[in-house]
């Protein structure tokens, strides 16, 4: 029996079209940035805001695509993923550090105030 297709799994044709869109938006964004900033390097010309608008649209498309890739990123599950995790999470280490710093500061200020 075939497993059900996940929401983010795309067919190869769709993946190819998304890759072409990503490459086209990247190329357009680089071209727009170059044309928009060309006025800085040529005397008598200013920056061209229309090209910056094109750059903004290209970046918007790229950010949308990166969000889709992040949502579809494969996640590891099982014993091998648990072996890679540290014994104490980073948040717990930070919290204990702050508790220790606050305790040391209280001891220092209590000793001087009496």
N, C-alpha and C. Protein backbone atom coordinates (compact mmCIF):
# COMPACT_ATOMS: atom_id res chain seq x y z
N UNK A 1 0.85 -1.18 0.00
CA UNK A 1 0.00 0.00 0.00
C UNK A 1 0.89 1.24 0.00
N UNK A 2 0.48 2.21 -0.76
CA UNK A 2 1.26 3.43 -0.89
C UNK A 2 0.95 4.39 0.25
N UNK A 3 2.00 4.97 0.82
CA UNK A 3 1.77 5.91 1.92
C UNK A 3 1.18 7.21 1.39
N UNK A 4 0.38 7.88 2.18
CA UNK A 4 -0.23 9.12 1.70
C UNK A 4 0.83 10.20 1.51
N UNK A 5 0.60 11.03 0.50
CA UNK A 5 1.52 12.11 0.19
C UNK A 5 1.35 13.24 1.20
N UNK A 6 2.48 13.70 1.75
CA UNK A 6 2.42 14.81 2.69
C UNK A 6 2.08 16.09 1.97
N UNK A 7 1.64 17.06 2.72
CA UNK A 7 1.21 18.33 2.14
C UNK A 7 2.35 19.01 1.38
N UNK A 8 3.57 18.95 1.92
CA UNK A 8 4.67 19.69 1.33
C UNK A 8 5.45 18.91 0.29
N UNK A 9 5.14 17.63 0.11
CA UNK A 9 5.85 16.85 -0.89
C UNK A 9 5.31 17.21 -2.26
N UNK A 10 6.18 17.67 -3.10
CA UNK A 10 5.77 18.07 -4.44
C UNK A 10 6.26 17.05 -5.46
N UNK A 11 5.58 17.01 -6.58
CA UNK A 11 6.00 16.14 -7.67
C UNK A 11 7.27 16.71 -8.29
N UNK A 12 8.04 15.89 -8.99
CA UNK A 12 9.29 16.37 -9.59
C UNK A 12 9.09 17.55 -10.53
N UNK A 13 7.99 17.58 -11.26
CA UNK A 13 7.74 18.71 -12.18
C UNK A 13 7.54 20.01 -11.40
N UNK A 14 6.80 19.93 -10.29
CA UNK A 14 6.56 21.12 -9.47
C UNK A 14 7.87 21.57 -8.83
N UNK A 15 8.67 20.62 -8.37
CA UNK A 15 9.97 20.97 -7.78
C UNK A 15 10.85 21.66 -8.82
N UNK A 16 10.84 21.17 -10.04
CA UNK A 16 11.62 21.79 -11.10
C UNK A 16 11.18 23.22 -11.38
N UNK A 17 9.85 23.41 -11.42
CA UNK A 17 9.33 24.76 -11.65
C UNK A 17 9.68 25.70 -10.49
N UNK A 18 9.61 25.17 -9.26
CA UNK A 18 9.99 25.99 -8.12
C UNK A 18 11.46 26.35 -8.15
N UNK A 19 12.30 25.42 -8.57
CA UNK A 19 13.73 25.70 -8.68
C UNK A 19 13.99 26.76 -9.75
N UNK A 20 13.30 26.66 -10.88
CA UNK A 20 13.45 27.67 -11.92
C UNK A 20 12.98 29.04 -11.43
N UNK A 21 11.89 29.08 -10.70
CA UNK A 21 11.40 30.34 -10.15
C UNK A 21 12.42 30.92 -9.18
N UNK A 22 13.01 30.08 -8.35
CA UNK A 22 14.02 30.52 -7.39
C UNK A 22 15.24 31.10 -8.11
N UNK A 23 15.71 30.40 -9.13
CA UNK A 23 16.88 30.88 -9.89
C UNK A 23 16.56 32.17 -10.64
N UNK A 24 15.37 32.25 -11.23
CA UNK A 24 14.99 33.45 -11.96
C UNK A 24 14.86 34.65 -11.01
N UNK A 25 14.26 34.42 -9.84
CA UNK A 25 14.12 35.52 -8.87
C UNK A 25 15.49 35.94 -8.34
N UNK A 26 16.40 34.99 -8.16
CA UNK A 26 17.74 35.34 -7.71
C UNK A 26 18.46 36.17 -8.75
N UNK A 27 18.41 35.75 -10.01
CA UNK A 27 19.07 36.48 -11.08
C UNK A 27 18.46 37.87 -11.25
N UNK A 28 17.14 37.95 -11.20
CA UNK A 28 16.47 39.24 -11.33
C UNK A 28 16.83 40.16 -10.18
N UNK A 29 16.91 39.61 -8.96
CA UNK A 29 17.27 40.42 -7.81
C UNK A 29 18.69 40.96 -7.90
N UNK A 30 19.62 40.14 -8.36
CA UNK A 30 21.00 40.60 -8.51
C UNK A 30 21.09 41.66 -9.59
N UNK A 31 20.40 41.45 -10.70
CA UNK A 31 20.39 42.43 -11.79
C UNK A 31 19.75 43.75 -11.34
N UNK A 32 18.65 43.65 -10.59
CA UNK A 32 17.97 44.86 -10.12
C UNK A 32 18.84 45.61 -9.12
N UNK A 33 19.53 44.90 -8.26
CA UNK A 33 20.42 45.56 -7.29
C UNK A 33 21.55 46.28 -8.01
N UNK A 34 22.11 45.63 -9.01
CA UNK A 34 23.18 46.27 -9.79
C UNK A 34 22.71 47.51 -10.50
N UNK A 35 21.53 47.44 -11.12
CA UNK A 35 21.01 48.61 -11.83
C UNK A 35 20.55 49.70 -10.86
N UNK A 36 20.02 49.31 -9.73
CA UNK A 36 19.56 50.30 -8.76
C UNK A 36 20.70 51.08 -8.13
N UNK A 37 21.81 50.41 -7.91
CA UNK A 37 22.96 51.07 -7.28
C UNK A 37 23.95 51.65 -8.27
N UNK A 38 23.70 51.47 -9.57
CA UNK A 38 24.66 51.95 -10.56
C UNK A 38 24.85 53.47 -10.50
N UNK A 39 23.85 54.20 -10.04
CA UNK A 39 23.96 55.65 -9.94
C UNK A 39 24.97 56.10 -8.91
N UNK A 40 25.29 55.27 -7.97
CA UNK A 40 26.30 55.64 -6.97
C UNK A 40 27.69 55.70 -7.56
N UNK A 41 27.93 54.96 -8.64
CA UNK A 41 29.26 54.85 -9.21
C UNK A 41 29.43 55.68 -10.47
N UNK A 42 28.37 56.26 -10.97
CA UNK A 42 28.45 57.10 -12.16
C UNK A 42 28.10 58.53 -11.78
N UNK A 43 28.98 59.46 -12.05
CA UNK A 43 28.70 60.85 -11.67
C UNK A 43 27.49 61.41 -12.41
N UNK A 44 26.70 62.16 -11.68
CA UNK A 44 25.53 62.80 -12.26
C UNK A 44 24.27 61.96 -12.26
N UNK A 45 24.36 60.73 -11.84
CA UNK A 45 23.18 59.86 -11.80
C UNK A 45 22.86 59.52 -10.36
N UNK A 46 21.62 59.29 -10.09
CA UNK A 46 21.20 58.88 -8.75
C UNK A 46 20.76 57.43 -8.75
N UNK A 47 20.38 56.97 -7.58
CA UNK A 47 19.88 55.60 -7.48
C UNK A 47 18.50 55.53 -8.15
N UNK A 48 18.21 54.42 -8.76
CA UNK A 48 16.94 54.25 -9.47
C UNK A 48 15.99 53.44 -8.60
N UNK A 49 14.96 54.11 -8.12
CA UNK A 49 14.03 53.49 -7.18
C UNK A 49 13.17 52.40 -7.81
N UNK A 50 12.93 52.49 -9.11
CA UNK A 50 12.13 51.46 -9.78
C UNK A 50 12.85 50.11 -9.70
N UNK A 51 14.17 50.11 -9.84
CA UNK A 51 14.92 48.86 -9.74
C UNK A 51 14.91 48.34 -8.32
N UNK A 52 14.86 49.23 -7.34
CA UNK A 52 14.77 48.78 -5.95
C UNK A 52 13.41 48.14 -5.68
N UNK A 53 12.37 48.60 -6.36
CA UNK A 53 11.06 47.97 -6.23
C UNK A 53 11.10 46.55 -6.82
N UNK A 54 11.78 46.40 -7.95
CA UNK A 54 11.94 45.07 -8.56
C UNK A 54 12.74 44.17 -7.62
N UNK A 55 13.77 44.72 -6.98
CA UNK A 55 14.56 43.97 -6.01
C UNK A 55 13.70 43.52 -4.84
N UNK A 56 12.83 44.39 -4.36
CA UNK A 56 11.95 44.05 -3.23
C UNK A 56 11.02 42.89 -3.61
N UNK A 57 10.49 42.91 -4.80
CA UNK A 57 9.61 41.82 -5.25
C UNK A 57 10.39 40.52 -5.36
N UNK A 58 11.60 40.59 -5.90
CA UNK A 58 12.43 39.38 -6.02
C UNK A 58 12.77 38.82 -4.64
N UNK A 59 13.11 39.67 -3.70
CA UNK A 59 13.41 39.21 -2.34
C UNK A 59 12.18 38.60 -1.68
N UNK A 60 11.02 39.19 -1.94
CA UNK A 60 9.78 38.67 -1.38
C UNK A 60 9.54 37.25 -1.89
N UNK A 61 9.75 37.03 -3.20
CA UNK A 61 9.58 35.69 -3.77
C UNK A 61 10.59 34.73 -3.16
N UNK A 62 11.83 35.17 -2.98
CA UNK A 62 12.86 34.30 -2.39
C UNK A 62 12.53 33.94 -0.95
N UNK A 63 12.04 34.89 -0.18
CA UNK A 63 11.68 34.60 1.21
C UNK A 63 10.52 33.62 1.30
N UNK A 64 9.56 33.76 0.40
CA UNK A 64 8.44 32.81 0.38
C UNK A 64 8.95 31.40 0.07
N UNK A 65 9.84 31.31 -0.91
CA UNK A 65 10.38 30.00 -1.27
C UNK A 65 11.21 29.41 -0.13
N UNK A 66 12.00 30.23 0.55
CA UNK A 66 12.80 29.72 1.66
C UNK A 66 11.90 29.24 2.80
N UNK A 67 10.79 29.91 3.03
CA UNK A 67 9.83 29.46 4.03
C UNK A 67 9.24 28.10 3.68
N UNK A 68 8.96 27.89 2.41
CA UNK A 68 8.43 26.59 1.98
C UNK A 68 9.47 25.50 2.16
N UNK A 69 10.73 25.80 1.84
CA UNK A 69 11.79 24.80 1.99
C UNK A 69 11.97 24.46 3.46
N UNK A 70 11.92 25.46 4.32
CA UNK A 70 12.08 25.21 5.76
C UNK A 70 10.94 24.36 6.29
N UNK A 71 9.72 24.60 5.82
CA UNK A 71 8.58 23.79 6.26
C UNK A 71 8.70 22.35 5.81
N UNK A 72 9.35 22.11 4.68
CA UNK A 72 9.45 20.77 4.12
C UNK A 72 10.76 20.09 4.48
N UNK A 73 11.58 20.73 5.29
CA UNK A 73 12.88 20.15 5.63
C UNK A 73 12.67 18.84 6.38
N UNK A 74 13.37 17.79 6.01
CA UNK A 74 13.18 16.51 6.69
C UNK A 74 13.64 16.57 8.14
N UNK A 75 12.89 15.95 9.01
CA UNK A 75 13.23 15.91 10.42
C UNK A 75 13.63 14.50 10.79
N UNK A 76 14.68 14.40 11.60
CA UNK A 76 15.12 13.08 12.03
C UNK A 76 14.30 12.64 13.22
N UNK A 77 13.98 11.38 13.23
CA UNK A 77 13.30 10.83 14.39
C UNK A 77 13.92 9.48 14.69
N UNK A 78 13.90 9.13 15.95
CA UNK A 78 14.46 7.84 16.32
C UNK A 78 15.65 8.00 17.25
N UNK A 79 16.32 6.90 17.54
CA UNK A 79 17.42 6.94 18.52
C UNK A 79 18.62 7.76 18.06
N UNK A 80 18.88 7.85 16.75
CA UNK A 80 20.05 8.59 16.31
C UNK A 80 19.88 10.10 16.55
N UNK A 81 18.67 10.60 16.52
CA UNK A 81 18.47 12.03 16.76
C UNK A 81 18.62 12.36 18.24
N UNK A 82 18.25 11.43 19.11
CA UNK A 82 18.40 11.67 20.55
C UNK A 82 19.86 11.63 20.98
N UNK A 83 20.69 10.86 20.28
CA UNK A 83 22.10 10.74 20.65
C UNK A 83 22.86 12.04 20.38
N UNK A 84 22.38 12.84 19.42
CA UNK A 84 23.08 14.08 19.07
C UNK A 84 22.78 15.21 20.02
N UNK A 85 21.74 15.11 20.82
CA UNK A 85 21.34 16.20 21.71
C UNK A 85 22.24 16.23 22.95
N UNK A 86 22.58 17.43 23.43
CA UNK A 86 23.40 17.50 24.65
C UNK A 86 22.61 17.04 25.87
N UNK A 87 23.35 16.72 26.94
CA UNK A 87 22.71 16.22 28.16
C UNK A 87 21.80 17.28 28.77
N UNK A 88 22.25 18.53 28.79
CA UNK A 88 21.40 19.59 29.32
C UNK A 88 21.12 20.59 28.22
N UNK A 89 19.86 20.96 28.03
CA UNK A 89 19.55 21.92 26.99
C UNK A 89 20.18 23.27 27.28
N UNK A 90 20.41 24.03 26.25
CA UNK A 90 21.09 25.32 26.39
C UNK A 90 20.29 26.28 27.26
N UNK A 91 18.98 26.23 27.15
CA UNK A 91 18.13 27.11 27.95
C UNK A 91 18.30 26.86 29.44
N UNK A 92 18.39 25.58 29.83
CA UNK A 92 18.57 25.25 31.24
C UNK A 92 19.92 25.74 31.73
N UNK A 93 20.93 25.66 30.92
CA UNK A 93 22.25 26.14 31.29
C UNK A 93 22.23 27.65 31.50
N UNK A 94 21.56 28.34 30.60
CA UNK A 94 21.46 29.80 30.74
C UNK A 94 20.69 30.18 31.99
N UNK A 95 19.61 29.47 32.25
CA UNK A 95 18.80 29.78 33.43
C UNK A 95 19.61 29.56 34.70
N UNK A 96 20.35 28.46 34.77
CA UNK A 96 21.15 28.22 35.97
C UNK A 96 22.26 29.25 36.09
N UNK A 97 22.81 29.70 34.97
CA UNK A 97 23.82 30.75 35.01
C UNK A 97 23.24 32.03 35.59
N UNK A 98 22.05 32.42 35.10
CA UNK A 98 21.42 33.64 35.61
C UNK A 98 21.08 33.51 37.10
N UNK A 99 20.58 32.34 37.50
CA UNK A 99 20.28 32.14 38.93
C UNK A 99 21.54 32.30 39.77
N UNK A 100 22.63 31.71 39.30
CA UNK A 100 23.89 31.80 40.03
C UNK A 100 24.38 33.25 40.09
N UNK A 101 24.28 33.98 38.98
CA UNK A 101 24.71 35.38 38.97
C UNK A 101 23.86 36.23 39.91
N UNK A 102 22.56 36.02 39.92
CA UNK A 102 21.67 36.78 40.81
C UNK A 102 21.97 36.44 42.26
N UNK A 103 22.18 35.15 42.56
CA UNK A 103 22.51 34.75 43.93
C UNK A 103 23.83 35.39 44.38
N UNK A 104 24.84 35.36 43.51
CA UNK A 104 26.13 35.96 43.87
C UNK A 104 25.99 37.46 44.08
N UNK A 105 25.18 38.12 43.24
CA UNK A 105 24.99 39.56 43.39
C UNK A 105 24.27 39.89 44.69
N UNK A 106 23.27 39.06 45.05
CA UNK A 106 22.56 39.29 46.33
C UNK A 106 23.51 39.13 47.50
N UNK A 107 24.34 38.07 47.46
CA UNK A 107 25.29 37.86 48.54
C UNK A 107 26.27 39.02 48.64
N UNK A 108 26.70 39.53 47.53
CA UNK A 108 27.66 40.64 47.52
C UNK A 108 27.03 41.91 48.06
N UNK A 109 25.80 42.21 47.63
CA UNK A 109 25.15 43.44 48.09
C UNK A 109 24.68 43.31 49.54
N UNK A 110 24.27 42.13 49.98
CA UNK A 110 23.85 41.95 51.38
C UNK A 110 25.04 42.12 52.32
N UNK A 111 26.19 41.68 51.93
CA UNK A 111 27.37 41.81 52.75
C UNK A 111 27.80 43.27 52.93
N UNK A 112 27.58 44.10 51.92
CA UNK A 112 27.99 45.52 51.98
C UNK A 112 26.94 46.41 52.61
N UNK A 113 25.68 46.00 52.58
CA UNK A 113 24.62 46.90 53.09
C UNK A 113 24.50 46.83 54.61
N UNK A 114 24.99 45.80 55.30
CA UNK A 114 24.85 45.74 56.75
C UNK A 114 26.07 46.19 57.48
